[in-house]
């Protein structure tokens, strides 16, 4: 089939794979926390 552009495609993908979004957010939060902890010490 032909590819077609859909609005909020990534949003719908994340809603379908909510666990993936949670893992991604957890990774970002942990990375920022680690950087902040390093800078503050």
PDB file of N, CA and C in Angstrom:
ATOM      1  N   UNK A   1       0.817  -1.202   0.000  1.00  0.00           N
ATOM      2  CA  UNK A   1       0.000   0.000   0.000  1.00  0.00           C
ATOM      3  C   UNK A   1       0.850   1.251   0.000  1.00  0.00           C
ATOM      4  N   UNK A   2       0.248   2.329  -0.408  1.00  0.00           N
ATOM      5  CA  UNK A   2       0.964   3.605  -0.447  1.00  0.00           C
ATOM      6  C   UNK A   2       1.079   4.176   0.957  1.00  0.00           C
ATOM      7  N   UNK A   3       2.223   4.777   1.227  1.00  0.00           N
ATOM      8  CA  UNK A   3       2.416   5.406   2.536  1.00  0.00           C
ATOM      9  C   UNK A   3       1.668   6.730   2.567  1.00  0.00           C
ATOM     10  N   UNK A   4       1.014   7.006   3.661  1.00  0.00           N
ATOM     11  CA  UNK A   4       0.315   8.285   3.777  1.00  0.00           C
ATOM     12  C   UNK A   4       0.646   8.915   5.122  1.00  0.00           C
ATOM     13  N   UNK A   5       0.723  10.243   5.128  1.00  0.00           N
ATOM     14  CA  UNK A   5       1.075  10.962   6.341  1.00  0.00           C
ATOM     15  C   UNK A   5      -0.128  11.036   7.275  1.00  0.00           C
ATOM     16  N   UNK A   6       0.082  10.708   8.524  1.00  0.00           N
ATOM     17  CA  UNK A   6      -0.998  10.821   9.503  1.00  0.00           C
ATOM     18  C   UNK A   6      -0.546  11.730  10.635  1.00  0.00           C
ATOM     19  N   UNK A   7      -1.419  12.623  11.043  1.00  0.00           N
ATOM     20  CA  UNK A   7      -1.086  13.539  12.129  1.00  0.00           C
ATOM     21  C   UNK A   7      -0.944  12.766  13.436  1.00  0.00           C
ATOM     22  N   UNK A   8       0.000  13.213  14.246  1.00  0.00           N
ATOM     23  CA  UNK A   8       0.227  12.595  15.555  1.00  0.00           C
ATOM     24  C   UNK A   8       0.524  11.098  15.436  1.00  0.00           C
ATOM     25  N   UNK A   9       1.241  10.716  14.371  1.00  0.00           N
ATOM     26  CA  UNK A   9       1.542   9.304  14.168  1.00  0.00           C
ATOM     27  C   UNK A   9       2.320   8.738  15.353  1.00  0.00           C
ATOM     28  N   UNK A  10       3.334   9.489  15.807  1.00  0.00           N
ATOM     29  CA  UNK A  10       4.147   9.002  16.920  1.00  0.00           C
ATOM     30  C   UNK A  10       3.337   8.939  18.206  1.00  0.00           C
ATOM     31  N   UNK A  11       2.426   9.901  18.388  1.00  0.00           N
ATOM     32  CA  UNK A  11       1.579   9.897  19.582  1.00  0.00           C
ATOM     33  C   UNK A  11       0.746   8.621  19.626  1.00  0.00           C
ATOM     34  N   UNK A  12       0.136   8.263  18.494  1.00  0.00           N
ATOM     35  CA  UNK A  12      -0.678   7.050  18.455  1.00  0.00           C
ATOM     36  C   UNK A  12       0.181   5.806  18.680  1.00  0.00           C
ATOM     37  N   UNK A  13       1.394   5.815  18.138  1.00  0.00           N
ATOM     38  CA  UNK A  13       2.286   4.673  18.343  1.00  0.00           C
ATOM     39  C   UNK A  13       2.630   4.524  19.821  1.00  0.00           C
ATOM     40  N   UNK A  14       2.894   5.644  20.494  1.00  0.00           N
ATOM     41  CA  UNK A  14       3.228   5.585  21.915  1.00  0.00           C
ATOM     42  C   UNK A  14       2.034   5.150  22.752  1.00  0.00           C
ATOM     43  N   UNK A  15       0.825   5.562  22.348  1.00  0.00           N
ATOM     44  CA  UNK A  15      -0.371   5.125  23.072  1.00  0.00           C
ATOM     45  C   UNK A  15      -0.546   3.612  22.910  1.00  0.00           C
ATOM     46  N   UNK A  16      -0.272   3.110  21.697  1.00  0.00           N
ATOM     47  CA  UNK A  16      -0.372   1.667  21.468  1.00  0.00           C
ATOM     48  C   UNK A  16       0.715   0.922  22.240  1.00  0.00           C
ATOM     49  N   UNK A  17       1.895   1.525  22.345  1.00  0.00           N
ATOM     50  CA  UNK A  17       2.998   0.897  23.077  1.00  0.00           C
ATOM     51  C   UNK A  17       3.331   1.738  24.308  1.00  0.00           C
ATOM     52  N   UNK A  18       2.377   1.846  25.215  1.00  0.00           N
ATOM     53  CA  UNK A  18       2.538   2.713  26.387  1.00  0.00           C
ATOM     54  C   UNK A  18       3.715   2.273  27.247  1.00  0.00           C
ATOM     55  N   UNK A  19       3.979   0.967  27.289  1.00  0.00           N
ATOM     56  CA  UNK A  19       5.106   0.470  28.098  1.00  0.00           C
ATOM     57  C   UNK A  19       6.427   0.983  27.548  1.00  0.00           C
ATOM     58  N   UNK A  20       6.499   1.131  26.226  1.00  0.00           N
ATOM     59  CA  UNK A  20       7.724   1.654  25.613  1.00  0.00           C
ATOM     60  C   UNK A  20       7.924   3.111  26.020  1.00  0.00           C
ATOM     61  N   UNK A  21       6.819   3.875  26.069  1.00  0.00           N
ATOM     62  CA  UNK A  21       6.897   5.277  26.478  1.00  0.00           C
ATOM     63  C   UNK A  21       7.355   5.386  27.927  1.00  0.00           C
ATOM     64  N   UNK A  22       6.847   4.496  28.787  1.00  0.00           N
ATOM     65  CA  UNK A  22       7.240   4.510  30.198  1.00  0.00           C
ATOM     66  C   UNK A  22       8.730   4.222  30.343  1.00  0.00           C
ATOM     67  N   UNK A  23       9.231   3.242  29.592  1.00  0.00           N
ATOM     68  CA  UNK A  23      10.657   2.910  29.642  1.00  0.00           C
ATOM     69  C   UNK A  23      11.490   4.087  29.153  1.00  0.00           C
ATOM     70  N   UNK A  24      11.037   4.734  28.068  1.00  0.00           N
ATOM     71  CA  UNK A  24      11.760   5.877  27.516  1.00  0.00           C
ATOM     72  C   UNK A  24      11.806   7.028  28.520  1.00  0.00           C
ATOM     73  N   UNK A  25      10.653   7.342  29.132  1.00  0.00           N
ATOM     74  CA  UNK A  25      10.604   8.428  30.109  1.00  0.00           C
ATOM     75  C   UNK A  25      11.461   8.105  31.328  1.00  0.00           C
ATOM     76  N   UNK A  26      11.419   6.854  31.776  1.00  0.00           N
ATOM     77  CA  UNK A  26      12.238   6.451  32.920  1.00  0.00           C
ATOM     78  C   UNK A  26      13.717   6.623  32.598  1.00  0.00           C
ATOM     79  N   UNK A  27      14.114   6.270  31.387  1.00  0.00           N
ATOM     80  CA  UNK A  27      15.503   6.423  30.977  1.00  0.00           C
ATOM     81  C   UNK A  27      15.928   7.880  30.955  1.00  0.00           C
ATOM     82  N   UNK A  28      15.064   8.743  30.431  1.00  0.00           N
ATOM     83  CA  UNK A  28      15.376  10.177  30.374  1.00  0.00           C
ATOM     84  C   UNK A  28      15.499  10.752  31.779  1.00  0.00           C
ATOM     85  N   UNK A  29      14.549  10.406  32.651  1.00  0.00           N
ATOM     86  CA  UNK A  29      14.566  10.913  34.022  1.00  0.00           C
ATOM     87  C   UNK A  29      15.821  10.445  34.758  1.00  0.00           C
ATOM     88  N   UNK A  30      16.158   9.174  34.617  1.00  0.00           N
ATOM     89  CA  UNK A  30      17.348   8.648  35.286  1.00  0.00           C
ATOM     90  C   UNK A  30      18.617   9.285  34.744  1.00  0.00           C
ATOM     91  N   UNK A  31      18.660   9.527  33.442  1.00  0.00           N
ATOM     92  CA  UNK A  31      19.839  10.158  32.847  1.00  0.00           C
ATOM     93  C   UNK A  31      20.001  11.586  33.367  1.00  0.00           C
ATOM     94  N   UNK A  32      18.907  12.347  33.380  1.00  0.00           N
ATOM     95  CA  UNK A  32      18.964  13.726  33.878  1.00  0.00           C
ATOM     96  C   UNK A  32      19.320  13.752  35.356  1.00  0.00           C
ATOM     97  N   UNK A  33      18.765  12.813  36.127  1.00  0.00           N
ATOM     98  CA  UNK A  33      19.052  12.753  37.557  1.00  0.00           C
ATOM     99  C   UNK A  33      20.522  12.440  37.792  1.00  0.00           C
ATOM    100  N   UNK A  34      21.070  11.533  36.993  1.00  0.00           N
ATOM    101  CA  UNK A  34      22.484  11.193  37.117  1.00  0.00           C
ATOM    102  C   UNK A  34      23.380  12.373  36.774  1.00  0.00           C
ATOM    103  N   UNK A  35      23.023  13.111  35.724  1.00  0.00           N
ATOM    104  CA  UNK A  35      23.805  14.289  35.334  1.00  0.00           C
ATOM    105  C   UNK A  35      23.736  15.356  36.424  1.00  0.00           C
ATOM    106  N   UNK A  36      22.534  15.618  36.924  1.00  0.00           N
ATOM    107  CA  UNK A  36      22.359  16.634  37.965  1.00  0.00           C
ATOM    108  C   UNK A  36      23.128  16.238  39.226  1.00  0.00           C
ATOM    109  N   UNK A  37      23.057  14.957  39.592  1.00  0.00           N
ATOM    110  CA  UNK A  37      23.757  14.473  40.785  1.00  0.00           C
ATOM    111  C   UNK A  37      25.263  14.654  40.626  1.00  0.00           C
ATOM    112  N   UNK A  38      25.769  14.405  39.419  1.00  0.00           N
ATOM    113  CA  UNK A  38      27.200  14.562  39.157  1.00  0.00           C
ATOM    114  C   UNK A  38      27.609  16.032  39.231  1.00  0.00           C
ATOM    115  N   UNK A  39      26.789  16.906  38.666  1.00  0.00           N
ATOM    116  CA  UNK A  39      27.124  18.332  38.645  1.00  0.00           C
ATOM    117  C   UNK A  39      27.051  18.953  40.035  1.00  0.00           C
ATOM    118  N   UNK A  40      26.129  18.460  40.871  1.00  0.00           N
ATOM    119  CA  UNK A  40      25.925  19.067  42.184  1.00  0.00           C
ATOM    120  C   UNK A  40      26.924  18.580  43.225  1.00  0.00           C
ATOM    121  N   UNK A  41      27.610  17.479  42.927  1.00  0.00           N
ATOM    122  CA  UNK A  41      28.554  16.968  43.929  1.00  0.00           C
ATOM    123  C   UNK A  41      29.968  17.442  43.633  1.00  0.00           C
TER     124      UNK A  41
END
